[in-house]
Amino acid sequence: MQRGYVFDLDGTIYLGNQLINGAEEAIRHIKDRGDKVIYLSNNPLYSRTDFQKKLKHFNIDVTIDEIYNSNYILASHLKQRMRSGEKAWVIGEWPLYEELQSQQIEITHNPLLADVVIVSWDRDFTYKKLHQAYQAWERGAVFIATNPDRTCPTETGPIPDCGAIIGAIEGATGAKIEEVAGKPSAIAAEVIQEALNLPASACFMVGDRLETDILMANTSKWNSVLVLTGVTTKKAAENHPIIPTTILDSVKELPYM
């Protein structure tokens, strides 16, 4: 039976600008035997074109249609959800704005006029933005986040991600963010399942984070493959309530499982 592999990127295929040893060969082997490959990243700091360029730099052959990230999934979801005349206010960086604009999402720069507040990783996040988000919440805006990751793995160690900004907003409002578009949400899982067009038993999610990659796979009844090249150690995995189907030292071992 044909299989479908969904690869996380940061911590799974590469760390920052360093390719994980054996990743390119593993992906080529999987594609050569006729299996499907999709890349799914929660990282909102890059466009799908950016991811494509980076993968091609690592000699990984990839089309834009094989790449999904939290920006793309969120913008597509809002395109269906938002009514005519509704406006979104954004905490995030330029690749997120680009994706929203490509889906004709109306953006306001006044949080007091926002029907939806989009929360993402923003390296220029300030107390002013937190206050503005609070004001939008007081006026009844709906909050949706690109991704829940507290940190992002890099070659020099983890750095704060969107989850840290979500924490600040939830701490101020006392309310949970209503929706998250990226992993492990049902929104993301449904998009990927449709793209693979395979039964759940033939789908494999390969990633380094238990709370996103592995949880989404387990909830979707896919095969979950944890790699130990990112944020999760073997000891942490052995003592965690989210249990992967398989644990590998790295993606290099994937073609042989």
Protein backbone atom coordinates (compact mmCIF):
# COMPACT_ATOMS: atom_id res chain seq x y z
CA MET A 1 0.00 0.00 0.00
CA GLN A 2 1.19 3.49 -0.80
CA ARG A 3 2.15 5.53 2.25
CA GLY A 4 1.97 9.24 2.95
CA TYR A 5 4.71 10.93 4.98
CA VAL A 6 4.15 14.30 6.64
CA PHE A 7 7.45 15.86 7.70
CA ASP A 8 7.89 18.61 10.23
CA LEU A 9 10.83 20.83 9.28
CA ASP A 10 12.53 22.61 12.22
CA GLY A 11 14.20 19.93 14.33
CA THR A 12 13.24 17.13 11.93
CA ILE A 13 14.76 17.92 8.52
CA TYR A 14 17.06 20.72 9.63
CA LEU A 15 18.15 22.81 12.60
CA GLY A 16 18.36 26.45 11.52
CA ASN A 17 20.65 26.42 8.47
CA GLN A 18 22.08 22.97 9.17
CA LEU A 19 20.61 19.92 7.41
CA ILE A 20 20.17 16.91 9.67
CA ASN A 21 22.51 14.14 8.57
CA GLY A 22 20.81 11.69 6.20
CA ALA A 23 17.58 13.68 5.77
CA GLU A 24 17.98 14.32 2.04
CA GLU A 25 18.78 10.67 1.32
CA ALA A 26 15.85 9.42 3.43
CA ILE A 27 13.35 11.63 1.60
CA ARG A 28 14.72 10.65 -1.80
CA HIS A 29 14.44 6.96 -0.89
CA ILE A 30 10.82 7.37 0.23
CA LYS A 31 9.85 9.26 -2.93
CA ASP A 32 11.69 6.81 -5.20
CA ARG A 33 9.62 3.91 -3.88
CA GLY A 34 6.42 5.81 -4.76
CA ASP A 35 5.22 7.15 -1.41
CA LYS A 36 3.76 10.63 -0.99
CA VAL A 37 5.60 13.37 0.86
CA ILE A 38 4.23 16.56 2.43
CA TYR A 39 6.05 19.12 4.57
CA LEU A 40 4.11 20.72 7.43
CA SER A 41 5.69 23.44 9.55
CA ASN A 42 4.23 25.48 12.37
CA ASN A 43 6.91 28.13 11.82
CA PRO A 44 5.14 31.35 10.71
CA LEU A 45 8.30 33.38 10.06
CA TYR A 46 8.64 32.05 6.51
CA SER A 47 6.46 31.79 3.43
CA ARG A 48 5.94 28.53 1.58
CA THR A 49 8.27 29.87 -1.11
CA ASP A 50 10.93 30.48 1.56
CA PHE A 51 10.60 26.87 2.73
CA GLN A 52 10.84 25.63 -0.85
CA LYS A 53 14.04 27.62 -1.46
CA LYS A 54 15.56 26.35 1.77
CA LEU A 55 14.78 22.72 1.01
CA LYS A 56 16.13 23.06 -2.52
CA HIS A 57 19.31 24.57 -1.04
CA PHE A 58 19.65 21.25 0.80
CA ASN A 59 19.18 19.39 -2.52
CA ILE A 60 15.68 18.25 -1.54
CA ASP A 61 13.41 18.30 -4.59
CA VAL A 62 10.06 19.82 -3.60
CA THR A 63 7.11 21.57 -5.22
CA ILE A 64 5.19 24.42 -3.59
CA ASP A 65 2.10 22.19 -3.44
CA GLU A 66 3.95 19.81 -1.11
CA ILE A 67 4.53 22.56 1.48
CA TYR A 68 2.05 23.61 4.14
CA ASN A 69 2.62 25.91 7.08
CA SER A 70 0.56 27.50 9.82
CA ASN A 71 0.25 30.82 7.93
CA TYR A 72 -1.22 29.13 4.86
CA ILE A 73 -3.62 26.97 6.86
CA LEU A 74 -4.78 29.91 9.00
CA ALA A 75 -5.36 32.21 6.02
CA SER A 76 -7.28 29.51 4.13
CA HIS A 77 -9.40 28.84 7.22
CA LEU A 78 -10.20 32.53 7.74
CA LYS A 79 -11.12 32.90 4.06
CA GLN A 80 -13.98 30.46 4.70
CA ARG A 81 -14.85 31.69 8.19
CA MET A 82 -14.84 35.49 8.00
CA ARG A 83 -17.91 37.32 6.73
CA SER A 84 -17.85 40.19 4.25
CA GLY A 85 -16.76 43.42 5.95
CA GLU A 86 -15.04 41.74 8.88
CA LYS A 87 -11.48 42.83 9.61
CA ALA A 88 -8.44 41.17 11.14
CA TRP A 89 -5.73 42.77 13.28
CA VAL A 90 -2.40 40.97 13.23
CA ILE A 91 0.36 40.30 15.73
CA GLY A 92 2.96 38.74 13.47
CA GLU A 93 5.58 39.25 10.79
CA TRP A 94 5.54 39.95 7.07
CA PRO A 95 5.15 36.35 5.71
CA LEU A 96 1.87 36.08 7.65
CA TYR A 97 0.63 39.36 6.17
CA GLU A 98 1.53 38.12 2.68
CA GLU A 99 -0.45 34.92 3.14
CA LEU A 100 -3.48 36.80 4.48
CA GLN A 101 -3.36 39.22 1.58
CA SER A 102 -3.18 36.35 -0.90
CA GLN A 103 -6.49 35.10 0.53
CA GLN A 104 -8.03 38.60 0.40
CA ILE A 105 -8.39 38.83 4.18
CA GLU A 106 -9.20 42.45 5.08
CA ILE A 107 -6.59 43.74 7.55
CA THR A 108 -6.96 46.69 9.89
CA HIS A 109 -4.15 48.48 11.70
CA ASN A 110 -6.59 49.62 14.39
CA PRO A 111 -7.17 46.85 16.97
CA LEU A 112 -10.35 48.59 18.13
CA LEU A 113 -11.91 47.81 14.73
CA ALA A 114 -10.87 44.15 14.69
CA ASP A 115 -13.39 41.34 14.46
CA VAL A 116 -10.55 38.80 14.54
CA VAL A 117 -7.13 39.07 16.20
CA ILE A 118 -4.48 36.86 14.64
CA VAL A 119 -1.71 35.93 17.08
CA SER A 120 1.59 34.69 15.71
CA TRP A 121 5.31 34.65 16.40
CA ASP A 122 6.39 38.29 16.44
CA ARG A 123 9.99 39.15 17.29
CA ASP A 124 8.92 42.78 17.78
CA PHE A 125 6.19 41.94 20.31
CA THR A 126 5.85 44.73 22.89
CA TYR A 127 3.76 45.76 25.88
CA LYS A 128 1.94 48.17 23.54
CA LYS A 129 0.86 45.28 21.33
CA LEU A 130 -0.23 43.30 24.40
CA HIS A 131 -2.33 46.27 25.53
CA GLN A 132 -3.86 46.61 22.06
CA ALA A 133 -4.71 42.91 22.02
CA TYR A 134 -6.38 43.30 25.41
CA GLN A 135 -8.44 46.21 24.11
CA ALA A 136 -9.57 44.16 21.10
CA TRP A 137 -10.54 41.31 23.43
CA GLU A 138 -12.58 43.70 25.60
CA ARG A 139 -14.53 44.66 22.49
CA GLY A 140 -15.35 41.07 21.63
CA ALA A 141 -12.76 40.18 18.97
CA VAL A 142 -12.19 36.47 18.27
CA PHE A 143 -8.60 35.31 18.77
CA ILE A 144 -6.92 32.74 16.51
CA ALA A 145 -3.23 31.74 16.60
CA THR A 146 -0.95 30.36 13.93
CA ASN A 147 0.71 27.83 16.23
CA PRO A 148 1.01 26.88 19.92
CA ASP A 149 4.76 26.12 20.06
CA ARG A 150 6.40 27.62 23.13
CA THR A 151 9.87 27.40 21.53
CA CYS A 152 11.46 26.75 18.16
CA PRO A 153 14.59 24.57 17.86
CA THR A 154 17.68 26.12 16.25
CA GLU A 155 21.30 25.04 15.84
CA THR A 156 22.18 27.19 18.87
CA GLY A 157 19.29 26.03 21.07
CA PRO A 158 15.55 26.70 21.47
CA ILE A 159 14.18 30.24 21.15
CA PRO A 160 10.74 31.61 22.22
CA ASP A 161 7.96 31.03 19.67
CA CYS A 162 4.29 31.96 19.29
CA GLY A 163 3.29 30.07 22.45
CA ALA A 164 5.10 32.66 24.55
CA ILE A 165 3.00 35.44 23.02
CA ILE A 166 -0.19 33.40 23.46
CA GLY A 167 0.78 33.02 27.13
CA ALA A 168 1.11 36.78 27.58
CA ILE A 169 -2.30 37.43 26.00
CA GLU A 170 -4.03 34.67 27.92
CA GLY A 171 -2.41 35.95 31.09
CA ALA A 172 -3.78 39.44 30.46
CA THR A 173 -7.30 38.44 29.42
CA GLY A 174 -7.80 35.35 31.56
CA ALA A 175 -9.31 33.67 28.48
CA LYS A 176 -7.99 30.97 26.17
CA ILE A 177 -7.24 31.63 22.51
CA GLU A 178 -10.32 30.32 20.67
CA GLU A 179 -8.57 28.55 17.77
CA VAL A 180 -5.12 27.45 16.63
CA ALA A 181 -4.57 26.78 12.93
CA GLY A 182 -1.32 24.81 12.98
CA LYS A 183 -0.42 21.48 14.54
CA PRO A 184 -1.98 19.79 16.49
CA SER A 185 -5.33 21.31 15.48
CA ALA A 186 -8.11 19.47 13.68
CA ILE A 187 -7.96 22.32 11.14
CA ALA A 188 -4.43 21.34 10.11
CA ALA A 189 -5.10 17.60 10.28
CA GLU A 190 -8.10 17.84 7.96
CA VAL A 191 -6.17 19.89 5.40
CA ILE A 192 -3.31 17.37 5.33
CA GLN A 193 -5.54 14.29 5.30
CA GLU A 194 -7.35 15.72 2.27
CA ALA A 195 -4.04 16.51 0.54
CA LEU A 196 -2.68 12.99 1.08
CA ASN A 197 -5.96 11.33 0.07
CA LEU A 198 -4.94 8.13 1.85
CA PRO A 199 -6.47 6.13 4.72
CA ALA A 200 -5.27 7.15 8.18
CA SER A 201 -3.46 3.82 8.62
CA ALA A 202 -1.20 4.72 5.65
CA CYS A 203 -0.27 8.19 6.98
CA PHE A 204 2.92 8.86 8.96
CA MET A 205 3.61 12.09 10.83
CA VAL A 206 7.35 12.57 11.43
CA GLY A 207 8.34 15.26 13.91
CA ASP A 208 10.32 16.25 16.98
CA ARG A 209 7.60 17.66 19.24
CA LEU A 210 5.20 15.54 21.28
CA GLU A 211 2.63 18.28 21.94
CA THR A 212 2.16 19.14 18.25
CA ASP A 213 3.47 16.57 15.74
CA ILE A 214 2.82 13.42 17.74
CA LEU A 215 -0.42 14.59 19.34
CA MET A 216 -1.93 15.49 15.95
CA ALA A 217 -0.94 12.14 14.50
CA ASN A 218 -2.33 10.19 17.45
CA THR A 219 -5.60 12.14 17.44
CA SER A 220 -5.95 11.57 13.69
CA LYS A 221 -5.14 7.84 14.07
CA TRP A 222 -2.04 8.22 11.90
CA ASN A 223 1.27 6.55 12.63
CA SER A 224 3.37 8.90 14.77
CA VAL A 225 7.15 8.94 14.44
CA LEU A 226 9.15 10.96 16.96
CA VAL A 227 12.71 11.94 16.01
CA LEU A 228 15.19 12.97 18.70
CA THR A 229 16.98 15.67 16.69
CA GLY A 230 14.84 18.59 17.91
CA VAL A 231 13.23 19.62 21.18
CA THR A 232 12.36 16.21 22.66
CA THR A 233 14.83 13.90 24.40
CA LYS A 234 14.36 10.15 24.76
CA LYS A 235 14.00 10.52 28.53
CA ALA A 236 11.27 13.16 28.11
CA ALA A 237 9.43 10.94 25.63
CA GLU A 238 9.54 7.94 27.95
CA ASN A 239 7.91 9.94 30.76
CA HIS A 240 5.27 11.76 28.70
CA PRO A 241 1.55 10.96 28.42
CA ILE A 242 1.66 11.48 24.64
CA ILE A 243 3.13 8.25 23.29
CA PRO A 244 4.50 8.00 19.72
CA THR A 245 4.08 4.88 17.62
CA THR A 246 7.83 4.86 16.95
CA ILE A 247 10.89 6.71 18.27
CA LEU A 248 13.91 7.18 15.98
CA ASP A 249 17.24 8.85 16.64
CA SER A 250 16.79 10.79 13.40
CA VAL A 251 14.88 10.86 10.12
CA LYS A 252 17.84 9.03 8.57
CA GLU A 253 16.42 5.76 9.97
CA LEU A 254 12.91 6.27 8.56
CA PRO A 255 13.20 4.32 5.26
CA TYR A 256 14.17 1.19 7.18
CA MET A 257 11.34 1.03 9.72
